[in-house]
Amino acid sequence: MTDGSDGRAPKLGVAFRERLSMRLERLPSCVLALLWGRRSSVFGAEDHLIGVRVIPLRDRSLHGRLADWDICDPATNEEVGTLRLRCSVASAPGPIQLPLIDDATPDSVTLHWSPPVDENGRPVTGYRVSVRQPCGDWVVACERLPSTSYELRGLVAGQA
């Protein structure tokens, strides 16, 4: 179906305003946006795919700002609409900076560090300090430590 002026399908004069919020353990590289339509008549209703677009999520330049993407007809690749989206992604903060071992004694050691340079949209709420046994597993020494230093006590020579 065309509007007669240039042979292209007419754009829909409809605007939708929806807010979508998702919480994911891992951020996928993209989201597939599908624009569906429903054609109704006295004989029933039929859903059909109007357009499609792949939206990149790992492009950090897009995070927090409003961006537009063309929605294209999957059969003809012609633009049938526009998707306007603000993508806000919050992931785990980056690694700590400048780790330093200080005040080492035979049975204790004090650790210091700086907060991550990049919080990735989430402020640091605490730190976890873990110790690895020689040829063994990691053991958590403390959880949700609010400061950027920790004194590890009870060390035994030849062990963690």
N, C-alpha and C. Protein backbone atom coordinates (compact mmCIF):
# COMPACT_ATOMS: atom_id res chain seq x y z
N MET A 1 0.85 -1.17 0.00
CA MET A 1 0.00 0.00 0.00
C MET A 1 0.90 1.24 0.00
N THR A 2 0.65 2.18 -0.85
CA THR A 2 1.45 3.41 -0.92
C THR A 2 0.53 4.61 -0.80
N ASP A 3 1.16 5.76 -0.51
CA ASP A 3 0.37 6.99 -0.41
C ASP A 3 0.27 7.70 -1.75
N GLY A 4 0.96 7.15 -2.77
CA GLY A 4 0.83 7.68 -4.11
C GLY A 4 1.84 8.74 -4.47
N SER A 5 2.49 9.37 -3.51
CA SER A 5 3.39 10.47 -3.83
C SER A 5 4.77 9.98 -4.28
N ASP A 6 5.36 9.04 -3.56
CA ASP A 6 6.70 8.59 -3.94
C ASP A 6 6.81 7.07 -4.01
N GLY A 7 5.70 6.37 -3.92
CA GLY A 7 5.72 4.91 -4.02
C GLY A 7 6.09 4.21 -2.72
N ARG A 8 6.40 4.97 -1.67
CA ARG A 8 6.77 4.36 -0.39
C ARG A 8 5.54 4.21 0.50
N ALA A 9 5.63 3.27 1.41
CA ALA A 9 4.53 3.07 2.35
C ALA A 9 4.41 4.29 3.26
N PRO A 10 3.19 4.73 3.57
CA PRO A 10 3.03 5.89 4.45
C PRO A 10 3.47 5.55 5.87
N LYS A 11 4.03 6.53 6.57
CA LYS A 11 4.41 6.34 7.96
C LYS A 11 3.17 6.41 8.82
N LEU A 12 3.21 5.65 9.89
CA LEU A 12 2.08 5.66 10.82
C LEU A 12 2.08 6.98 11.58
N GLY A 13 0.94 7.57 11.73
CA GLY A 13 0.82 8.82 12.47
C GLY A 13 0.49 8.57 13.93
N VAL A 14 1.12 7.58 14.52
CA VAL A 14 0.82 7.17 15.88
C VAL A 14 2.10 7.28 16.71
N ALA A 15 1.99 7.79 17.91
CA ALA A 15 3.14 7.87 18.81
C ALA A 15 2.81 7.09 20.08
N PHE A 16 3.74 6.28 20.53
CA PHE A 16 3.60 5.52 21.76
C PHE A 16 4.63 6.01 22.75
N ARG A 17 4.25 6.11 23.99
CA ARG A 17 5.19 6.51 25.03
C ARG A 17 5.12 5.46 26.13
N GLU A 18 6.12 4.62 26.16
CA GLU A 18 6.17 3.54 27.15
C GLU A 18 7.51 3.59 27.88
N ARG A 19 7.50 3.17 29.12
CA ARG A 19 8.75 3.07 29.88
C ARG A 19 8.99 1.60 30.17
N LEU A 20 10.15 1.14 29.75
CA LEU A 20 10.51 -0.25 29.94
C LEU A 20 11.72 -0.30 30.85
N SER A 21 11.63 -1.09 31.88
CA SER A 21 12.74 -1.24 32.81
C SER A 21 13.04 -2.72 32.95
N MET A 22 14.32 -3.09 32.79
CA MET A 22 14.72 -4.49 32.92
C MET A 22 15.92 -4.57 33.86
N ARG A 23 15.98 -5.65 34.61
CA ARG A 23 17.14 -5.91 35.46
C ARG A 23 17.73 -7.23 34.99
N LEU A 24 18.98 -7.17 34.53
CA LEU A 24 19.64 -8.34 33.97
C LEU A 24 20.95 -8.60 34.70
N GLU A 25 21.30 -9.86 34.84
CA GLU A 25 22.59 -10.21 35.44
C GLU A 25 23.73 -9.87 34.49
N ARG A 26 23.54 -10.12 33.19
CA ARG A 26 24.53 -9.79 32.18
C ARG A 26 23.89 -8.92 31.13
N LEU A 27 24.62 -7.92 30.69
CA LEU A 27 24.11 -7.00 29.68
C LEU A 27 24.30 -7.60 28.29
N PRO A 28 23.21 -7.85 27.56
CA PRO A 28 23.39 -8.34 26.20
C PRO A 28 23.99 -7.24 25.32
N SER A 29 24.56 -7.63 24.20
CA SER A 29 25.18 -6.63 23.33
C SER A 29 24.16 -5.77 22.62
N CYS A 30 22.94 -6.29 22.45
CA CYS A 30 21.91 -5.52 21.75
C CYS A 30 20.51 -6.01 22.14
N VAL A 31 19.53 -5.22 21.77
CA VAL A 31 18.12 -5.58 21.93
C VAL A 31 17.47 -5.49 20.56
N LEU A 32 16.63 -6.41 20.26
CA LEU A 32 15.91 -6.41 19.00
C LEU A 32 14.54 -5.77 19.23
N ALA A 33 14.31 -4.62 18.59
CA ALA A 33 13.02 -3.93 18.71
C ALA A 33 12.13 -4.35 17.54
N LEU A 34 10.97 -4.87 17.86
CA LEU A 34 10.01 -5.31 16.85
C LEU A 34 8.75 -4.45 16.95
N LEU A 35 8.31 -3.90 15.86
CA LEU A 35 7.09 -3.09 15.81
C LEU A 35 6.00 -3.94 15.17
N TRP A 36 4.99 -4.27 15.96
CA TRP A 36 3.90 -5.13 15.50
C TRP A 36 2.64 -4.30 15.28
N GLY A 37 1.82 -4.74 14.35
CA GLY A 37 0.54 -4.11 14.09
C GLY A 37 -0.56 -5.17 14.09
N ARG A 38 -1.79 -4.72 14.34
CA ARG A 38 -2.92 -5.64 14.32
C ARG A 38 -3.94 -5.10 13.34
N ARG A 39 -4.32 -5.95 12.40
CA ARG A 39 -5.34 -5.63 11.41
C ARG A 39 -6.62 -6.37 11.83
N SER A 40 -7.68 -5.61 12.03
CA SER A 40 -8.94 -6.20 12.48
C SER A 40 -10.03 -6.01 11.44
N SER A 41 -10.89 -6.98 11.38
CA SER A 41 -12.06 -6.90 10.50
C SER A 41 -13.19 -7.69 11.17
N VAL A 42 -14.30 -7.77 10.52
CA VAL A 42 -15.42 -8.53 11.06
C VAL A 42 -15.10 -10.02 11.09
N PHE A 43 -14.11 -10.43 10.34
CA PHE A 43 -13.75 -11.85 10.26
C PHE A 43 -12.68 -12.25 11.28
N GLY A 44 -12.11 -11.28 11.96
CA GLY A 44 -11.08 -11.60 12.96
C GLY A 44 -9.97 -10.56 12.96
N ALA A 45 -8.93 -10.89 13.70
CA ALA A 45 -7.78 -9.99 13.80
C ALA A 45 -6.51 -10.74 13.40
N GLU A 46 -5.59 -10.01 12.82
CA GLU A 46 -4.33 -10.61 12.38
C GLU A 46 -3.18 -9.70 12.80
N ASP A 47 -2.19 -10.28 13.47
CA ASP A 47 -0.99 -9.53 13.85
C ASP A 47 0.05 -9.69 12.75
N HIS A 48 0.76 -8.60 12.46
CA HIS A 48 1.82 -8.68 11.46
C HIS A 48 2.98 -7.77 11.86
N LEU A 49 4.16 -8.18 11.45
CA LEU A 49 5.37 -7.43 11.75
C LEU A 49 5.48 -6.24 10.81
N ILE A 50 5.55 -5.05 11.40
CA ILE A 50 5.64 -3.83 10.61
C ILE A 50 7.10 -3.43 10.39
N GLY A 51 7.90 -3.53 11.45
CA GLY A 51 9.29 -3.10 11.33
C GLY A 51 10.17 -3.70 12.39
N VAL A 52 11.48 -3.57 12.17
CA VAL A 52 12.46 -4.17 13.07
C VAL A 52 13.71 -3.29 13.12
N ARG A 53 14.39 -3.31 14.29
CA ARG A 53 15.66 -2.58 14.44
C ARG A 53 16.46 -3.21 15.56
N VAL A 54 17.75 -3.33 15.37
CA VAL A 54 18.66 -3.80 16.41
C VAL A 54 19.21 -2.56 17.13
N ILE A 55 19.09 -2.54 18.46
CA ILE A 55 19.54 -1.41 19.27
C ILE A 55 20.78 -1.85 20.05
N PRO A 56 21.93 -1.20 19.83
CA PRO A 56 23.14 -1.58 20.57
C PRO A 56 23.08 -1.10 22.01
N LEU A 57 23.39 -1.96 22.95
CA LEU A 57 23.36 -1.58 24.37
C LEU A 57 24.75 -1.32 24.94
N ARG A 58 25.77 -1.89 24.33
CA ARG A 58 27.11 -1.74 24.89
C ARG A 58 27.86 -0.54 24.35
N ASP A 59 27.21 0.26 23.54
CA ASP A 59 27.82 1.49 23.04
C ASP A 59 27.69 2.54 24.14
N ARG A 60 28.77 2.77 24.88
CA ARG A 60 28.72 3.64 26.06
C ARG A 60 28.38 5.09 25.71
N SER A 61 28.61 5.49 24.45
CA SER A 61 28.30 6.87 24.08
C SER A 61 26.79 7.12 24.06
N LEU A 62 25.99 6.05 24.01
CA LEU A 62 24.54 6.19 23.97
C LEU A 62 23.90 6.22 25.36
N HIS A 63 24.64 5.79 26.38
CA HIS A 63 24.05 5.67 27.71
C HIS A 63 23.69 7.04 28.28
N GLY A 64 22.46 7.16 28.72
CA GLY A 64 21.98 8.36 29.37
C GLY A 64 21.48 9.45 28.44
N ARG A 65 21.63 9.30 27.14
CA ARG A 65 21.16 10.34 26.23
C ARG A 65 20.07 9.79 25.32
N LEU A 66 19.24 10.69 24.85
CA LEU A 66 18.14 10.32 23.97
C LEU A 66 18.69 10.10 22.56
N ALA A 67 18.35 8.97 21.96
CA ALA A 67 18.82 8.65 20.61
C ALA A 67 17.65 8.13 19.78
N ASP A 68 17.71 8.37 18.48
CA ASP A 68 16.68 7.91 17.54
C ASP A 68 17.23 6.82 16.64
N TRP A 69 16.40 5.82 16.36
CA TRP A 69 16.74 4.77 15.42
C TRP A 69 15.58 4.61 14.45
N ASP A 70 15.90 4.42 13.17
CA ASP A 70 14.88 4.15 12.17
C ASP A 70 14.40 2.72 12.33
N ILE A 71 13.09 2.53 12.23
CA ILE A 71 12.50 1.20 12.20
C ILE A 71 12.23 0.89 10.73
N CYS A 72 12.73 -0.24 10.26
CA CYS A 72 12.62 -0.56 8.83
C CYS A 72 11.76 -1.79 8.60
N ASP A 73 11.06 -1.78 7.48
CA ASP A 73 10.27 -2.92 7.04
C ASP A 73 11.24 -4.07 6.77
N PRO A 74 11.02 -5.26 7.37
CA PRO A 74 11.97 -6.36 7.18
C PRO A 74 12.01 -6.89 5.73
N ALA A 75 10.96 -6.70 4.98
CA ALA A 75 10.94 -7.20 3.60
C ALA A 75 11.58 -6.23 2.61
N THR A 76 11.33 -4.94 2.78
CA THR A 76 11.81 -3.95 1.80
C THR A 76 12.97 -3.09 2.32
N ASN A 77 13.22 -3.15 3.62
CA ASN A 77 14.24 -2.33 4.28
C ASN A 77 13.94 -0.83 4.21
N GLU A 78 12.69 -0.47 3.96
CA GLU A 78 12.28 0.94 3.94
C GLU A 78 11.91 1.37 5.35
N GLU A 79 12.19 2.63 5.63
CA GLU A 79 11.86 3.18 6.95
C GLU A 79 10.35 3.27 7.11
N VAL A 80 9.85 2.73 8.23
CA VAL A 80 8.41 2.80 8.51
C VAL A 80 8.12 3.56 9.80
N GLY A 81 9.16 3.91 10.53
CA GLY A 81 8.95 4.64 11.77
C GLY A 81 10.27 4.96 12.44
N THR A 82 10.18 5.59 13.59
CA THR A 82 11.37 5.97 14.35
C THR A 82 11.17 5.55 15.80
N LEU A 83 12.20 4.99 16.37
CA LEU A 83 12.19 4.62 17.78
C LEU A 83 13.11 5.59 18.51
N ARG A 84 12.56 6.29 19.48
CA ARG A 84 13.34 7.22 20.30
C ARG A 84 13.51 6.56 21.66
N LEU A 85 14.76 6.46 22.09
CA LEU A 85 15.05 5.68 23.28
C LEU A 85 16.17 6.31 24.08
N ARG A 86 15.99 6.34 25.40
CA ARG A 86 17.07 6.74 26.31
C ARG A 86 17.47 5.48 27.05
N CYS A 87 18.70 5.10 26.88
CA CYS A 87 19.21 3.86 27.47
C CYS A 87 20.08 4.22 28.67
N SER A 88 19.68 3.76 29.84
CA SER A 88 20.47 3.97 31.05
C SER A 88 20.87 2.61 31.58
N VAL A 89 22.15 2.34 31.55
CA VAL A 89 22.65 1.04 31.97
C VAL A 89 23.51 1.23 33.21
N ALA A 90 23.20 0.46 34.23
CA ALA A 90 24.01 0.47 35.44
C ALA A 90 24.57 -0.93 35.62
N SER A 91 25.87 -1.03 35.70
CA SER A 91 26.51 -2.32 35.92
C SER A 91 27.43 -2.20 37.12
N ALA A 92 28.11 -3.26 37.44
CA ALA A 92 29.00 -3.25 38.59
C ALA A 92 30.08 -2.19 38.40
N PRO A 93 30.46 -1.52 39.49
CA PRO A 93 31.55 -0.54 39.38
C PRO A 93 32.83 -1.21 38.88
N GLY A 94 33.73 -0.39 38.35
CA GLY A 94 35.00 -0.89 37.86
C GLY A 94 35.90 -1.37 38.99
N PRO A 95 37.11 -1.82 38.66
CA PRO A 95 38.03 -2.34 39.68
C PRO A 95 38.58 -1.23 40.57
N ILE A 96 39.00 -1.62 41.75
CA ILE A 96 39.64 -0.66 42.65
C ILE A 96 40.93 -0.16 42.01
N GLN A 97 41.44 0.95 42.52
CA GLN A 97 42.66 1.54 41.98
C GLN A 97 43.74 1.58 43.07
N LEU A 98 44.97 1.53 42.66
CA LEU A 98 46.15 1.71 43.52
C LEU A 98 46.14 0.84 44.78
N PRO A 99 46.03 -0.49 44.65
CA PRO A 99 46.08 -1.32 45.86
C PRO A 99 47.47 -1.22 46.50
N LEU A 100 47.49 -1.20 47.83
CA LEU A 100 48.75 -1.02 48.56
C LEU A 100 48.73 -1.90 49.80
N ILE A 101 49.81 -2.62 50.04
CA ILE A 101 49.97 -3.39 51.27
C ILE A 101 50.82 -2.56 52.20
N ASP A 102 50.33 -2.40 53.44
CA ASP A 102 51.00 -1.53 54.41
C ASP A 102 51.00 -2.23 55.76
N ASP A 103 51.90 -1.84 56.61
CA ASP A 103 51.95 -2.34 58.00
C ASP A 103 51.89 -3.87 58.06
N ALA A 104 52.81 -4.53 57.38
CA ALA A 104 52.86 -5.99 57.42
C ALA A 104 53.60 -6.46 58.67
N THR A 105 52.97 -7.36 59.41
CA THR A 105 53.58 -8.00 60.58
C THR A 105 53.49 -9.50 60.36
N PRO A 106 54.13 -10.30 61.23
CA PRO A 106 54.06 -11.76 61.02
C PRO A 106 52.64 -12.33 61.04
N ASP A 107 51.70 -11.65 61.73
CA ASP A 107 50.35 -12.21 61.80
C ASP A 107 49.25 -11.29 61.26
N SER A 108 49.63 -10.15 60.63
CA SER A 108 48.61 -9.25 60.07
C SER A 108 49.19 -8.42 58.94
N VAL A 109 48.29 -7.85 58.16
CA VAL A 109 48.67 -6.96 57.07
C VAL A 109 47.52 -5.96 56.89
N THR A 110 47.87 -4.72 56.57
CA THR A 110 46.84 -3.71 56.31
C THR A 110 46.83 -3.42 54.81
N LEU A 111 45.65 -3.46 54.24
CA LEU A 111 45.46 -3.20 52.81
C LEU A 111 44.79 -1.84 52.64
N HIS A 112 45.23 -1.08 51.64
CA HIS A 112 44.63 0.21 51.29
C HIS A 112 44.39 0.22 49.78
N TRP A 113 43.38 0.96 49.34
CA TRP A 113 43.10 1.10 47.91
C TRP A 113 42.29 2.36 47.68
N SER A 114 42.20 2.75 46.41
CA SER A 114 41.37 3.89 46.01
C SER A 114 40.10 3.37 45.35
N PRO A 115 39.01 4.14 45.41
CA PRO A 115 37.75 3.71 44.78
C PRO A 115 37.92 3.58 43.26
N PRO A 116 37.01 2.87 42.61
CA PRO A 116 37.07 2.74 41.15
C PRO A 116 36.97 4.09 40.46
N VAL A 117 37.63 4.23 39.34
CA VAL A 117 37.53 5.44 38.54
C VAL A 117 36.14 5.53 37.93
N ASP A 118 35.63 4.41 37.44
CA ASP A 118 34.32 4.37 36.77
C ASP A 118 33.33 3.58 37.61
N GLU A 119 32.27 4.25 38.06
CA GLU A 119 31.24 3.56 38.86
C GLU A 119 30.21 2.87 37.98
N ASN A 120 30.22 3.11 36.66
CA ASN A 120 29.30 2.46 35.72
C ASN A 120 27.83 2.66 36.08
N GLY A 121 27.49 3.82 36.59
CA GLY A 121 26.10 4.13 36.90
C GLY A 121 25.64 3.67 38.26
N ARG A 122 26.51 3.05 39.03
CA ARG A 122 26.15 2.59 40.36
C ARG A 122 27.23 2.99 41.36
N PRO A 123 26.87 3.67 42.42
CA PRO A 123 27.89 4.03 43.41
C PRO A 123 28.35 2.79 44.18
N VAL A 124 29.57 2.82 44.65
CA VAL A 124 30.10 1.73 45.47
C VAL A 124 29.41 1.78 46.83
N THR A 125 28.84 0.66 47.24
CA THR A 125 28.16 0.61 48.54
C THR A 125 29.00 -0.13 49.58
N GLY A 126 30.07 -0.77 49.14
CA GLY A 126 30.95 -1.49 50.06
C GLY A 126 31.92 -2.35 49.28
N TYR A 127 32.93 -2.82 49.96
CA TYR A 127 33.97 -3.64 49.35
C TYR A 127 33.99 -5.03 49.99
N ARG A 128 34.41 -6.01 49.22
CA ARG A 128 34.59 -7.37 49.72
C ARG A 128 36.09 -7.67 49.64
N VAL A 129 36.63 -8.14 50.76
CA VAL A 129 38.03 -8.56 50.79
C VAL A 129 38.04 -10.08 50.89
N SER A 130 38.73 -10.71 49.96
CA SER A 130 38.84 -12.17 49.94
C SER A 130 40.29 -12.57 50.00
N VAL A 131 40.55 -13.73 50.58
CA VAL A 131 41.90 -14.27 50.72
C VAL A 131 41.91 -15.64 50.07
N ARG A 132 43.00 -15.92 49.37
CA ARG A 132 43.11 -17.24 48.73
C ARG A 132 44.12 -18.09 49.50
N GLN A 133 43.66 -19.26 49.88
CA GLN A 133 44.53 -20.22 50.54
C GLN A 133 45.53 -20.73 49.51
N PRO A 134 46.79 -21.03 49.89
CA PRO A 134 47.72 -21.60 48.92
C PRO A 134 47.13 -22.88 48.32
N CYS A 135 47.07 -22.92 47.01
CA CYS A 135 46.51 -24.06 46.28
C CYS A 135 45.08 -24.37 46.71
N GLY A 136 44.35 -23.35 47.13
CA GLY A 136 42.99 -23.57 47.61
C GLY A 136 42.01 -22.58 47.05
N ASP A 137 40.85 -22.51 47.69
CA ASP A 137 39.77 -21.64 47.26
C ASP A 137 39.90 -20.26 47.91
N TRP A 138 39.13 -19.31 47.37
CA TRP A 138 39.04 -17.98 47.94
C TRP A 138 38.13 -18.02 49.15
N VAL A 139 38.51 -17.31 50.19
CA VAL A 139 37.72 -17.21 51.42
C VAL A 139 37.42 -15.73 51.64
N VAL A 140 36.16 -15.40 51.89
CA VAL A 140 35.77 -14.00 52.11
C VAL A 140 36.15 -13.60 53.53
N ALA A 141 36.98 -12.55 53.63
CA ALA A 141 37.42 -12.05 54.94
C ALA A 141 36.41 -11.04 55.50
N CYS A 142 35.82 -10.23 54.62
CA CYS A 142 34.78 -9.28 55.05
C CYS A 142 33.92 -8.90 53.86
N GLU A 143 32.68 -8.52 54.12
CA GLU A 143 31.72 -8.10 53.09
C GLU A 143 31.23 -6.71 53.42
N ARG A 144 30.90 -5.94 52.40
CA ARG A 144 30.29 -4.61 52.54
C ARG A 144 31.09 -3.66 53.42
N LEU A 145 32.39 -3.74 53.29
CA LEU A 145 33.28 -2.85 54.03
C LEU A 145 33.11 -1.43 53.47
N PRO A 146 32.73 -0.44 54.29
CA PRO A 146 32.49 0.91 53.76
C PRO A 146 33.77 1.70 53.48
N SER A 147 34.90 1.34 54.12
CA SER A 147 36.12 2.12 53.95
C SER A 147 37.03 1.52 52.88
N THR A 148 38.10 2.25 52.54
CA THR A 148 39.04 1.79 51.52
C THR A 148 40.32 1.27 52.16
N SER A 149 40.20 0.70 53.34
CA SER A 149 41.34 0.02 53.97
C SER A 149 40.79 -1.11 54.85
N TYR A 150 41.66 -2.10 55.07
CA TYR A 150 41.23 -3.24 55.88
C TYR A 150 42.47 -3.89 56.50
N GLU A 151 42.40 -4.21 57.79
CA GLU A 151 43.47 -4.94 58.44
C GLU A 151 43.10 -6.41 58.52
N LEU A 152 43.90 -7.21 57.87
CA LEU A 152 43.68 -8.66 57.85
C LEU A 152 44.53 -9.26 58.96
N ARG A 153 43.86 -9.87 59.97
CA ARG A 153 44.55 -10.40 61.14
C ARG A 153 44.48 -11.92 61.15
N GLY A 154 45.29 -12.50 62.02
CA GLY A 154 45.27 -13.95 62.22
C GLY A 154 45.99 -14.72 61.13
N LEU A 155 46.95 -14.08 60.47
CA LEU A 155 47.70 -14.76 59.41
C LEU A 155 48.71 -15.72 60.04
N VAL A 156 48.96 -16.80 59.36
CA VAL A 156 49.93 -17.78 59.78
C VAL A 156 50.91 -17.97 58.64
N ALA A 157 52.21 -17.95 58.95
CA ALA A 157 53.22 -18.10 57.91
C ALA A 157 53.00 -19.38 57.11
N GLY A 158 53.06 -19.26 55.78
CA GLY A 158 52.86 -20.42 54.90
C GLY A 158 51.39 -20.68 54.57
N GLN A 159 50.48 -19.86 55.08
CA GLN A 159 49.06 -19.98 54.79
C GLN A 159 48.55 -18.63 54.28
N ALA A 160 47.25 -18.50 54.17
CA ALA A 160 46.65 -17.30 53.60
C ALA A 160 47.10 -16.01 54.20
